[in-house]
Each structure stands twice: as C-alpha cells, then as structure tokens.
Amino acid sequence: MDLFEQDEKEVFKTGPLADRVRPNDLEKFLGQDKIVGPGTPLRRMIENDTLPSLILWGPPGTGKTTLARIIAGKTRAKFVPFSAVLGGVKEIREIVKAAQLQKRTQARSTILFVDEIHRFNKAQQDAFLPHVENGTIILIGATTENPSFEITSALLSRCKVIVLEPLSEENIIAILKRAIEDPEKGLGKTGVKLEPGVFELIAEKSHGDARNALNALEALVCSFEDTGKTVKIDRKTAQASFIKSSLLYDRSGEEHYNVISAFIKSMRGSDPDAAVYWMVRMLESGEDPLFILRRMVIFASEDVGNADPNALAVAVHALESFKFVGLPEGVLPMTQAATYLACAEKSNSVIKAYTAARKDVMELGALAVPKKLRNAPTVLMKSLGYAKDYKYPHDFKGAYVPEAYLPEQLESRRYYEPSPRGVEAEIRERLNRWFKQRKKGE
C-alpha cells in the first residue's frame, strides 16, 4: 500500500465531507461532460491509459483534484500528489529520482499531480521540462489561474490544457443529494432531512463551486445536535445560517481583468445597467474603488472625449468626491459617473488623434519647429527669423486666420477627426470650415 492509498483511507474516516464523497469513477463525475463524457478524446485517453501531461484549469470546486484522482485509479501509472504551496524543487527531485527508478525497473510511469501549479516560479516550472519530455513523469497540474499567464510557454507546449467550467445548479443539487443520502461516506446517518428549497438555496450561493456547497451542507447539518430523531431543516433556517459568501475575484489574477474589461465594454456599449452591475461586482469583491474611478477617468477621454466634454469633469468630480466622503456613501458618485459615461455620446477621436500623431513622431523624429512659431526673446533670435510673419489670431475676424502650424513635412496631416455625434458634431463642422479657408489661402 503506498502513501496515496493510506491518505485516501484516512480521508474516508476523518476528512471533510467534500473529500469523503469525491466520486471515484467518471460515471459519477458530474458537470464536465464536454471534456470527459463518453467518446471525448480525454475519456478515451484515460480508458486506453495513453494520457499526456495535462494542465487542468478551472474555478475552485469544479473537479480538478477529483478528476486527477479518478485518472489515478484508471491508469497503471503510480500517482503522486504534490502541493506547490507546501513543496519545492528539492521534493520534486526526490520524486523524479524515484520515478526514474520505477520506470527503469518496472517499466511503469509516474503521474505527478501538482496542485496550484501556478504558484511555482519560472525556474521551478522549467525543472519539470526534461522529465516531461522524456516521459519519466506524466505531469498533471491544477490551477485556477489562466495558464497563458501563469505557466511558462515551454511547459505549456508540452501539456494539453483542459478547461473545467463552473458547475450548474442542477449538478450541485445532484452532488448535495448524493452526499446527504450516502450512509457511509456522506451524511445519511445523521437523521437530517432537508425540506424543499434548501438544496436550491445552497446551490445558488455556491456559485458553481461543489466544495463550497458541500462545506455549507456539512456546516448546516452539523449545527444541529444529533438526538437520534429526524431533524427537518427548511429554507428559512438554512438562509439564516449563511454568512455572506465571497465572490470569485482576484485583484491580481485573470478574473480582475475579466471583470474590469466587462465594466469598460458595458460603458462603451452604452449599457448603464451592465456597467453598474460589473462595478458593484468589483466593489463587493474587495476591489480598490480608486482603481475603478481611475479607469472611468481614462474612459471619459478615450471613449467619450469631446463628444461630451462634461464626461471627463463628471469622472474627475466622482474621483474627488469619493476621496472626500469615502465608503459607503462614495459608491453614489461612482454610480452617477458610471451611468453618465454609459449614457454619454461616444467618440474615440481623442485616442485616435494621439495614436496617429505619436506614429509620426516616432517614425519621423524631431522635425524642426517652423521659424514663425518659435519664441524670439532675444535680438539674435529675431535676427535669425524667429517669430517672423507670425499672425496673431485675435487680430483677425472670428479670432481665426488661415495658417499652418505643423512642420512642413506634415502640413497635410489631420490627426483629430471629430465624430458626427454630440458636441463633436459642432466641432467637426467648425474644423471643416477652417480647413477649407486654410486650403483657399494656400
């Protein structure tokens, strides 16, 4: 009996419910039919014992560890679980050494299951490469983070990425019912009966996380004293036992970028309801309000610009107002700004103007400033023609005089092209009129 089998028996006796009721075959593994359902490539590889190295990527409680353990039971390879939080390169070397001996003497592979593999740095991940390459180990890494960002490209190219989705409420309910009815591994001997609506409540609040749901079920059942009689728990009682659940969000991980992207795109798409929803999601998940406000200030120029010049003022005032009042009242100017920006006329002319001008600066370098535009504070500068022939616009009708202000090589350039929306429609008409006057004066 190896260490893995001993750990399994110990978990069966004393472990938490979520570990005790893990399914041990694919038929009972719920919610991931797209990747391990009958006829799928991964299912065939597991059944034929031709498994490649894998990266299992998905939110918490979607079955990454469970799937790895099922694979362990279906393959001839020795299964070695390993935590990236608790172990390091030294322990990996020892595992690889044992795997090399086993392959040489028994012609048997080793599956190394690394939980939270994203916690390994680049050098640690690179230590796997030669052993994955030569088949000494079959690596199965589990991660909640996007492998594109957290796994080195060299290791990623040698592994097949399997994406696990959050479980549906129907899947969660099925898992809960199985746990409450199981008299050996589950809670079947507790004498607790859940009335209609309780399973649905737990499933709803677990957000697709089976472990979260099973932990909640265990805590709920264990909060009642075992009297030997049947105890009925209704939805109201279960509701009162819930502590505010945390939302899936990582201020430095992929979900952070996913949600802020959804927020910005909702404002850009002129949907104030979606914008407020994503903003609240971030706030309730612990995001720094100033980060959200800074993004709104940027958005006001990048996506609204001069189509509604008030947008930038609204965003900046929301930022200053939040700094003045703080939480919780500070969410009100934030909401006002988010809804205003979402409803404002849109234009990306500002960022397009900057991008086009920067392109010319980077490609053409520091072109000479036309002499008529140069300052002439000294006699020498005046003698060199600095400021000569400069026409002061306020001396002309309408405070405008047809004149060229760009370097000679760029005189035909138009970086700023106002949109036909909002205030920019007026700016567009004005600029076109001035441009025609300038062309006539050439």
Protein backbone atom coordinates (compact mmCIF):
# COMPACT_ATOMS: atom_id res chain seq x y z
CA MET A 1 0.00 0.00 0.00
CA ASP A 2 1.51 3.39 -0.99
CA LEU A 3 1.19 6.75 0.76
CA PHE A 4 -1.62 7.85 -1.57
CA GLU A 5 -3.78 4.86 -0.64
CA GLN A 6 -3.12 5.43 3.09
CA ASP A 7 -4.15 9.09 2.73
CA GLU A 8 -7.31 8.01 0.92
CA LYS A 9 -8.32 5.69 3.77
CA GLU A 10 -7.64 8.40 6.36
CA VAL A 11 -9.75 10.92 4.44
CA PHE A 12 -12.58 8.37 4.24
CA LYS A 13 -12.63 8.18 8.05
CA THR A 14 -11.98 11.73 9.25
CA GLY A 15 -11.79 14.11 6.29
CA PRO A 16 -14.28 16.85 5.45
CA LEU A 17 -17.43 15.89 3.57
CA ALA A 18 -16.14 17.37 0.30
CA ASP A 19 -13.19 14.95 0.36
CA ARG A 20 -15.13 11.94 1.63
CA VAL A 21 -17.73 11.97 -1.14
CA ARG A 22 -15.40 12.52 -4.10
CA PRO A 23 -16.53 10.19 -6.91
CA ASN A 24 -14.03 7.52 -7.89
CA ASP A 25 -15.20 6.92 -11.45
CA LEU A 26 -16.13 9.05 -14.45
CA GLU A 27 -19.79 7.94 -14.42
CA LYS A 28 -20.31 9.79 -11.12
CA PHE A 29 -18.14 12.77 -12.07
CA LEU A 30 -20.74 15.47 -12.76
CA GLY A 31 -20.72 18.69 -14.72
CA GLN A 32 -17.80 18.17 -17.11
CA ASP A 33 -19.31 16.02 -19.87
CA LYS A 34 -17.75 18.21 -22.54
CA ILE A 35 -14.27 17.09 -21.56
CA VAL A 36 -14.75 13.57 -20.09
CA GLY A 37 -18.14 12.47 -21.40
CA PRO A 38 -18.41 9.23 -23.40
CA GLY A 39 -16.47 9.41 -26.64
CA THR A 40 -14.46 12.52 -25.80
CA PRO A 41 -10.72 12.46 -26.57
CA LEU A 42 -9.69 12.76 -22.90
CA ARG A 43 -12.09 9.98 -21.89
CA ARG A 44 -10.56 7.68 -24.50
CA MET A 45 -7.02 8.54 -23.40
CA ILE A 46 -7.90 7.77 -19.77
CA GLU A 47 -9.58 4.47 -20.69
CA ASN A 48 -6.71 3.47 -23.01
CA ASP A 49 -4.04 4.54 -20.49
CA THR A 50 -2.40 6.83 -23.07
CA LEU A 51 -2.56 10.00 -21.03
CA PRO A 52 -0.35 13.01 -21.95
CA SER A 53 0.73 15.65 -19.46
CA LEU A 54 -2.22 17.90 -18.58
CA ILE A 55 -2.97 21.31 -17.16
CA LEU A 56 -6.43 21.32 -15.53
CA TRP A 57 -7.67 24.90 -15.49
CA GLY A 58 -10.90 25.97 -13.85
CA PRO A 59 -12.51 27.85 -10.96
CA PRO A 60 -12.41 26.41 -7.42
CA GLY A 61 -14.61 23.39 -6.74
CA THR A 62 -15.09 22.29 -10.36
CA GLY A 63 -13.40 18.90 -10.00
CA LYS A 64 -9.71 19.37 -10.89
CA THR A 65 -8.37 17.31 -7.99
CA THR A 66 -11.22 14.80 -8.26
CA LEU A 67 -10.51 14.25 -11.95
CA ALA A 68 -6.83 13.74 -11.22
CA ARG A 69 -7.68 11.13 -8.57
CA ILE A 70 -10.06 9.33 -10.93
CA ILE A 71 -7.28 9.21 -13.51
CA ALA A 72 -5.05 7.74 -10.82
CA GLY A 73 -7.47 4.89 -10.35
CA LYS A 74 -7.79 4.20 -14.07
CA THR A 75 -4.14 4.14 -15.08
CA ARG A 76 -1.26 1.75 -14.45
CA ALA A 77 0.97 4.69 -13.56
CA LYS A 78 1.86 5.43 -9.95
CA PHE A 79 0.04 8.53 -8.71
CA VAL A 80 1.99 11.04 -6.60
CA PRO A 81 0.05 14.07 -5.28
CA PHE A 82 2.09 17.21 -4.63
CA SER A 83 1.23 20.73 -3.44
CA ALA A 84 3.02 23.71 -4.92
CA VAL A 85 2.25 25.56 -1.68
CA LEU A 86 3.96 23.05 0.63
CA GLY A 87 6.75 21.60 -1.54
CA GLY A 88 9.65 22.83 -3.62
CA VAL A 89 12.33 21.78 -6.09
CA LYS A 90 14.07 19.55 -3.54
CA GLU A 91 10.98 17.39 -3.11
CA ILE A 92 10.41 17.30 -6.86
CA ARG A 93 13.96 15.98 -7.42
CA GLU A 94 13.26 13.15 -4.98
CA ILE A 95 10.01 12.28 -6.76
CA VAL A 96 11.74 12.32 -10.15
CA LYS A 97 14.55 10.12 -8.84
CA ALA A 98 12.00 7.54 -7.60
CA ALA A 99 10.10 7.81 -10.91
CA GLN A 100 13.28 7.13 -12.89
CA LEU A 101 14.00 4.04 -10.79
CA GLN A 102 10.43 2.79 -11.20
CA LYS A 103 10.45 3.27 -14.96
CA ARG A 104 13.81 1.51 -15.27
CA THR A 105 12.95 -1.45 -13.04
CA GLN A 106 9.20 -1.84 -13.52
CA ALA A 107 8.54 -0.08 -16.86
CA ARG A 108 5.86 1.88 -15.01
CA SER A 109 5.23 5.63 -15.40
CA THR A 110 4.59 8.11 -12.60
CA ILE A 111 1.75 10.66 -12.64
CA LEU A 112 2.83 13.72 -10.68
CA PHE A 113 -0.22 15.74 -9.69
CA VAL A 114 0.78 19.31 -8.77
CA ASP A 115 -2.00 21.28 -7.13
CA GLU A 116 -1.86 25.09 -7.61
CA ILE A 117 0.95 24.74 -10.13
CA HIS A 118 0.74 28.46 -10.89
CA ARG A 119 2.49 29.09 -7.55
CA PHE A 120 5.73 27.69 -8.97
CA ASN A 121 8.03 30.31 -10.46
CA LYS A 122 9.60 30.04 -13.93
CA ALA A 123 12.73 28.24 -12.74
CA GLN A 124 10.69 25.73 -10.75
CA GLN A 125 8.40 25.04 -13.70
CA ASP A 126 11.39 24.62 -16.01
CA ALA A 127 12.65 21.86 -13.71
CA PHE A 128 9.79 19.67 -14.99
CA LEU A 129 10.70 20.04 -18.68
CA PRO A 130 13.28 17.29 -19.25
CA HIS A 131 11.31 14.76 -17.20
CA VAL A 132 8.05 15.51 -19.01
CA GLU A 133 9.92 15.45 -22.31
CA ASN A 134 11.47 12.00 -21.78
CA GLY A 135 8.34 10.50 -20.23
CA THR A 136 9.76 9.94 -16.75
CA ILE A 137 6.71 11.67 -15.33
CA ILE A 138 3.24 12.47 -16.63
CA LEU A 139 2.53 15.90 -15.19
CA ILE A 140 -0.99 16.88 -14.20
CA GLY A 141 -1.09 20.45 -12.95
CA ALA A 142 -4.19 22.05 -11.45
CA THR A 143 -4.69 25.81 -11.49
CA THR A 144 -7.38 28.43 -11.04
CA GLU A 145 -5.28 30.95 -13.00
CA ASN A 146 -5.06 31.40 -16.76
CA PRO A 147 -2.23 29.12 -17.93
CA SER A 148 -1.36 31.62 -20.66
CA PHE A 149 -0.17 34.00 -17.94
CA GLU A 150 0.96 31.65 -15.18
CA ILE A 151 2.56 28.64 -16.92
CA THR A 152 5.79 29.02 -18.90
CA SER A 153 5.39 28.68 -22.65
CA ALA A 154 7.91 25.82 -22.75
CA LEU A 155 5.97 23.75 -20.21
CA LEU A 156 2.63 24.75 -21.71
CA SER A 157 3.72 23.49 -25.13
CA ARG A 158 4.33 20.05 -23.64
CA CYS A 159 0.93 19.79 -21.92
CA LYS A 160 -2.67 19.58 -23.05
CA VAL A 161 -4.82 22.26 -21.39
CA ILE A 162 -8.19 21.01 -20.12
CA VAL A 163 -10.70 23.74 -19.22
CA LEU A 164 -13.24 22.91 -16.50
CA GLU A 165 -16.39 25.05 -16.27
CA PRO A 166 -18.30 26.13 -13.11
CA LEU A 167 -20.88 23.51 -12.21
CA SER A 168 -24.54 24.21 -12.95
CA GLU A 169 -27.02 24.49 -10.09
CA GLU A 170 -28.54 21.18 -11.25
CA ASN A 171 -25.14 19.49 -10.92
CA ILE A 172 -24.61 20.99 -7.46
CA ILE A 173 -28.04 19.82 -6.29
CA ALA A 174 -27.31 16.29 -7.53
CA ILE A 175 -24.00 16.27 -5.64
CA LEU A 176 -25.67 17.54 -2.46
CA LYS A 177 -28.43 14.94 -2.62
CA ARG A 178 -25.88 12.19 -3.12
CA ALA A 179 -23.94 13.42 -0.07
CA ILE A 180 -26.99 13.68 2.22
CA GLU A 181 -28.20 10.20 1.24
CA ASP A 182 -24.89 8.33 1.45
CA PRO A 183 -24.82 6.47 4.82
CA GLU A 184 -21.13 5.53 4.59
CA LYS A 185 -19.19 8.48 3.19
CA GLY A 186 -21.89 11.12 3.45
CA LEU A 187 -24.48 12.34 5.96
CA GLY A 188 -27.02 9.54 5.55
CA LYS A 189 -26.79 8.50 9.22
CA THR A 190 -27.34 11.96 10.72
CA GLY A 191 -31.13 11.83 10.66
CA VAL A 192 -31.32 15.24 8.96
CA LYS A 193 -33.93 15.89 6.27
CA LEU A 194 -33.76 18.96 4.06
CA GLU A 195 -37.10 20.37 3.02
CA PRO A 196 -37.84 21.72 -0.49
CA GLY A 197 -35.79 24.75 -1.45
CA VAL A 198 -32.77 24.10 0.78
CA PHE A 199 -30.73 22.28 -1.86
CA GLU A 200 -31.58 25.05 -4.33
CA LEU A 201 -30.50 27.72 -1.83
CA ILE A 202 -27.12 26.10 -1.22
CA ALA A 203 -26.58 25.56 -4.95
CA GLU A 204 -27.45 29.17 -5.70
CA LYS A 205 -25.00 30.51 -3.13
CA SER A 206 -22.15 28.19 -4.07
CA HIS A 207 -21.58 29.91 -7.45
CA GLY A 208 -20.72 26.67 -9.25
CA ASP A 209 -18.27 25.52 -6.56
CA ALA A 210 -19.03 21.95 -5.39
CA ARG A 211 -16.59 22.13 -2.48
CA ASN A 212 -18.20 25.34 -1.27
CA ALA A 213 -21.64 23.72 -1.49
CA LEU A 214 -20.60 20.56 0.37
CA ASN A 215 -18.87 22.58 3.09
CA ALA A 216 -22.04 24.64 3.53
CA LEU A 217 -24.16 21.49 3.71
CA GLU A 218 -21.85 19.90 6.29
CA ALA A 219 -21.78 23.04 8.43
CA LEU A 220 -25.58 23.31 8.28
CA VAL A 221 -26.19 19.68 9.24
CA CYS A 222 -23.56 19.69 11.98
CA SER A 223 -25.08 22.79 13.57
CA PHE A 224 -27.92 20.59 14.82
CA GLU A 225 -27.40 18.25 17.76
CA ASP A 226 -27.71 14.55 16.98
CA THR A 227 -30.66 13.40 19.10
CA GLY A 228 -31.34 10.20 17.21
CA LYS A 229 -34.52 11.70 15.80
CA THR A 230 -35.17 13.09 12.32
CA VAL A 231 -34.39 16.82 12.10
CA LYS A 232 -36.07 18.84 9.36
CA ILE A 233 -34.35 21.95 8.03
CA ASP A 234 -36.37 24.43 5.99
CA ARG A 235 -35.15 27.14 3.63
CA LYS A 236 -35.62 29.94 6.19
CA THR A 237 -33.45 28.15 8.75
CA ALA A 238 -30.80 27.43 6.14
CA GLN A 239 -30.82 31.05 4.95
CA ALA A 240 -30.13 32.31 8.47
CA SER A 241 -27.06 30.09 8.74
CA PHE A 242 -25.31 31.55 5.72
CA ILE A 243 -22.51 34.02 6.17
CA LYS A 244 -22.03 36.46 3.32
CA SER A 245 -20.34 34.44 0.59
CA SER A 246 -17.21 35.71 -1.10
CA LEU A 247 -17.27 36.30 -4.83
CA LEU A 248 -14.74 34.76 -7.19
CA TYR A 249 -12.29 37.59 -7.78
CA ASP A 250 -8.54 38.04 -7.59
CA ARG A 251 -7.20 41.58 -7.65
CA SER A 252 -4.01 40.36 -9.32
CA GLY A 253 -5.39 37.49 -11.41
CA GLU A 254 -7.37 36.90 -14.58
CA GLU A 255 -10.81 37.50 -13.05
CA HIS A 256 -9.69 41.01 -12.11
CA TYR A 257 -9.01 41.76 -15.78
CA ASN A 258 -12.14 39.93 -16.94
CA VAL A 259 -14.48 41.99 -14.75
CA ILE A 260 -12.87 45.38 -15.36
CA SER A 261 -12.96 44.58 -19.10
CA ALA A 262 -16.67 43.79 -18.85
CA PHE A 263 -17.22 47.08 -16.96
CA ILE A 264 -15.44 49.19 -19.57
CA LYS A 265 -17.07 47.42 -22.51
CA SER A 266 -20.51 47.88 -20.93
CA MET A 267 -19.95 51.65 -20.67
CA ARG A 268 -18.57 51.73 -24.21
CA GLY A 269 -21.64 49.80 -25.37
CA SER A 270 -23.92 52.40 -23.70
CA ASP A 271 -25.45 49.92 -21.23
CA PRO A 272 -25.72 51.65 -17.82
CA ASP A 273 -27.35 48.60 -16.18
CA ALA A 274 -24.47 46.28 -17.07
CA ALA A 275 -21.94 48.96 -16.13
CA VAL A 276 -23.42 49.30 -12.64
CA TYR A 277 -23.61 45.51 -12.21
CA TRP A 278 -19.92 44.98 -13.02
CA MET A 279 -18.91 47.94 -10.87
CA VAL A 280 -20.80 46.50 -7.89
CA ARG A 281 -19.24 43.08 -8.56
CA MET A 282 -15.81 44.64 -8.21
CA LEU A 283 -16.69 46.66 -5.11
CA GLU A 284 -18.31 43.71 -3.31
CA SER A 285 -15.28 41.55 -4.15
CA GLY A 286 -12.91 44.00 -2.47
CA GLU A 287 -11.55 45.90 -5.46
CA ASP A 288 -9.96 49.28 -4.68
CA PRO A 289 -12.62 51.90 -5.56
CA LEU A 290 -9.88 54.30 -6.68
CA PHE A 291 -8.80 51.78 -9.33
CA ILE A 292 -12.35 51.76 -10.74
CA LEU A 293 -12.56 55.55 -10.62
CA ARG A 294 -9.22 55.95 -12.41
CA ARG A 295 -10.49 53.66 -15.15
CA MET A 296 -13.58 55.88 -15.50
CA VAL A 297 -11.39 59.00 -15.85
CA ILE A 298 -9.44 57.26 -18.63
CA PHE A 299 -12.67 56.08 -20.26
CA ALA A 300 -14.07 59.61 -20.25
CA SER A 301 -11.28 60.73 -22.59
CA GLU A 302 -10.72 57.51 -24.52
CA ASP A 303 -14.32 56.57 -25.35
CA VAL A 304 -16.35 59.77 -24.87
CA GLY A 305 -13.87 62.56 -25.47
CA ASN A 306 -15.22 65.78 -26.95
CA ALA A 307 -18.50 64.18 -27.95
CA ASP A 308 -19.46 65.11 -24.38
CA PRO A 309 -16.75 67.26 -22.72
CA ASN A 310 -18.67 67.10 -19.43
CA ALA A 311 -17.87 63.38 -19.16
CA LEU A 312 -14.30 64.00 -18.04
CA ALA A 313 -15.49 66.54 -15.48
CA VAL A 314 -18.06 64.07 -14.13
CA ALA A 315 -15.44 61.32 -13.81
CA VAL A 316 -12.89 63.59 -12.11
CA HIS A 317 -15.54 65.01 -9.76
CA ALA A 318 -16.57 61.44 -8.85
CA LEU A 319 -12.95 60.67 -8.05
CA GLU A 320 -12.57 63.75 -5.86
CA SER A 321 -15.97 63.19 -4.23
CA PHE A 322 -15.03 59.64 -3.29
CA LYS A 323 -11.78 60.84 -1.75
CA PHE A 324 -13.81 63.37 0.27
CA VAL A 325 -16.60 61.10 1.59
CA GLY A 326 -15.12 57.57 1.34
CA LEU A 327 -17.18 54.41 1.77
CA PRO A 328 -20.01 53.58 1.95
CA GLU A 329 -21.52 56.83 0.58
CA GLY A 330 -18.77 57.16 -2.01
CA VAL A 331 -20.46 54.50 -4.13
CA LEU A 332 -23.10 57.09 -5.07
CA PRO A 333 -20.84 59.46 -7.06
CA MET A 334 -19.22 56.32 -8.53
CA THR A 335 -22.60 55.06 -9.72
CA GLN A 336 -23.51 58.52 -11.03
CA ALA A 337 -20.29 58.64 -13.04
CA ALA A 338 -20.66 55.10 -14.40
CA THR A 339 -24.22 55.70 -15.57
CA TYR A 340 -23.36 59.12 -17.05
CA LEU A 341 -20.42 57.69 -19.00
CA ALA A 342 -22.51 54.79 -20.26
CA CYS A 343 -25.26 57.13 -21.47
CA ALA A 344 -22.96 59.78 -22.99
CA GLU A 345 -22.41 60.18 -26.72
CA LYS A 346 -19.31 58.19 -27.69
CA SER A 347 -16.20 59.11 -29.63
CA ASN A 348 -12.72 57.62 -29.76
CA SER A 349 -11.33 60.56 -31.74
CA VAL A 350 -9.07 61.64 -28.87
CA ILE A 351 -7.09 58.40 -28.64
CA LYS A 352 -7.01 58.09 -32.44
CA ALA A 353 -5.55 61.60 -32.70
CA TYR A 354 -2.88 60.81 -30.11
CA THR A 355 -2.01 57.47 -31.72
CA ALA A 356 -1.68 58.97 -35.21
CA ALA A 357 0.44 61.89 -34.01
CA ARG A 358 2.68 59.60 -31.96
CA LYS A 359 3.22 57.38 -35.00
CA ASP A 360 4.58 60.34 -36.98
CA VAL A 361 6.75 61.47 -34.06
CA MET A 362 8.27 58.01 -33.64
CA GLU A 363 8.81 57.45 -37.38
CA LEU A 364 9.94 60.95 -38.43
CA GLY A 365 11.78 62.04 -35.31
CA ALA A 366 12.10 65.62 -34.03
CA LEU A 367 11.11 67.68 -37.05
CA ALA A 368 12.15 71.32 -36.93
CA VAL A 369 9.71 73.84 -35.46
CA PRO A 370 8.75 76.38 -38.18
CA LYS A 371 10.59 79.65 -37.50
CA LYS A 372 7.38 81.70 -37.40
CA LEU A 373 6.20 79.59 -34.44
CA ARG A 374 9.40 79.92 -32.43
CA ASN A 375 9.75 82.25 -29.49
CA ALA A 376 12.07 85.27 -30.03
CA PRO A 377 13.04 86.75 -26.66
CA THR A 378 16.50 87.97 -27.83
CA VAL A 379 17.79 90.21 -30.62
CA LEU A 380 19.82 87.34 -32.04
CA MET A 381 16.75 85.12 -32.33
CA LYS A 382 14.83 87.88 -34.07
CA SER A 383 17.69 88.38 -36.50
CA LEU A 384 17.54 84.69 -37.33
CA GLY A 385 13.90 85.00 -38.32
CA TYR A 386 12.33 83.55 -35.17
CA ALA A 387 8.64 84.58 -34.88
CA LYS A 388 8.81 86.43 -38.21
CA ASP A 389 5.49 86.58 -40.08
CA TYR A 390 3.57 85.01 -37.17
CA LYS A 391 -0.09 86.11 -37.35
CA TYR A 392 -1.81 86.64 -34.00
CA PRO A 393 -5.33 85.07 -34.42
CA HIS A 394 -7.02 87.54 -32.10
CA ASP A 395 -6.14 90.34 -34.50
CA PHE A 396 -8.37 88.75 -37.14
CA LYS A 397 -12.11 88.37 -37.56
CA GLY A 398 -13.52 85.46 -35.58
CA ALA A 399 -10.11 85.02 -33.89
CA TYR A 400 -9.08 82.80 -36.78
CA VAL A 401 -6.50 83.22 -39.52
CA PRO A 402 -5.64 80.54 -42.10
CA GLU A 403 -2.17 79.42 -41.10
CA ALA A 404 0.00 76.28 -40.99
CA TYR A 405 1.27 75.19 -37.59
CA LEU A 406 2.67 71.74 -38.27
CA PRO A 407 6.22 71.08 -39.54
CA GLU A 408 6.42 71.49 -43.32
CA GLN A 409 6.62 67.72 -43.91
CA LEU A 410 3.29 67.22 -42.10
CA GLU A 411 1.23 70.17 -43.31
CA SER A 412 -1.46 67.95 -44.85
CA ARG A 413 -1.92 65.78 -41.75
CA ARG A 414 -5.23 65.70 -39.85
CA TYR A 415 -4.88 63.73 -36.62
CA TYR A 416 -8.08 64.79 -34.92
CA GLU A 417 -11.19 63.69 -36.82
CA PRO A 418 -14.25 64.56 -34.69
CA SER A 419 -17.16 62.15 -34.79
CA PRO A 420 -20.59 63.30 -36.04
CA ARG A 421 -22.01 62.77 -32.52
CA GLY A 422 -22.75 65.07 -29.63
CA VAL A 423 -20.67 68.23 -29.20
CA GLU A 424 -18.13 66.86 -31.65
CA ALA A 425 -20.65 67.33 -34.43
CA GLU A 426 -20.31 71.10 -33.92
CA ILE A 427 -16.51 70.83 -33.62
CA ARG A 428 -16.43 68.78 -36.82
CA GLU A 429 -18.36 71.45 -38.73
CA ARG A 430 -16.13 74.23 -37.37
CA LEU A 431 -12.89 72.43 -38.22
CA ASN A 432 -14.09 71.62 -41.72
CA ARG A 433 -14.90 75.29 -42.28
CA TRP A 434 -11.47 76.38 -41.06
CA PHE A 435 -9.77 73.70 -43.14
CA LYS A 436 -11.49 74.97 -46.29
CA GLN A 437 -10.39 78.55 -45.50
CA ARG A 438 -6.84 77.30 -44.99
CA LYS A 439 -6.90 75.49 -48.36
CA LYS A 440 -8.09 78.68 -50.10
CA GLY A 441 -5.26 80.65 -48.55
CA GLU A 442 -2.58 78.31 -49.96
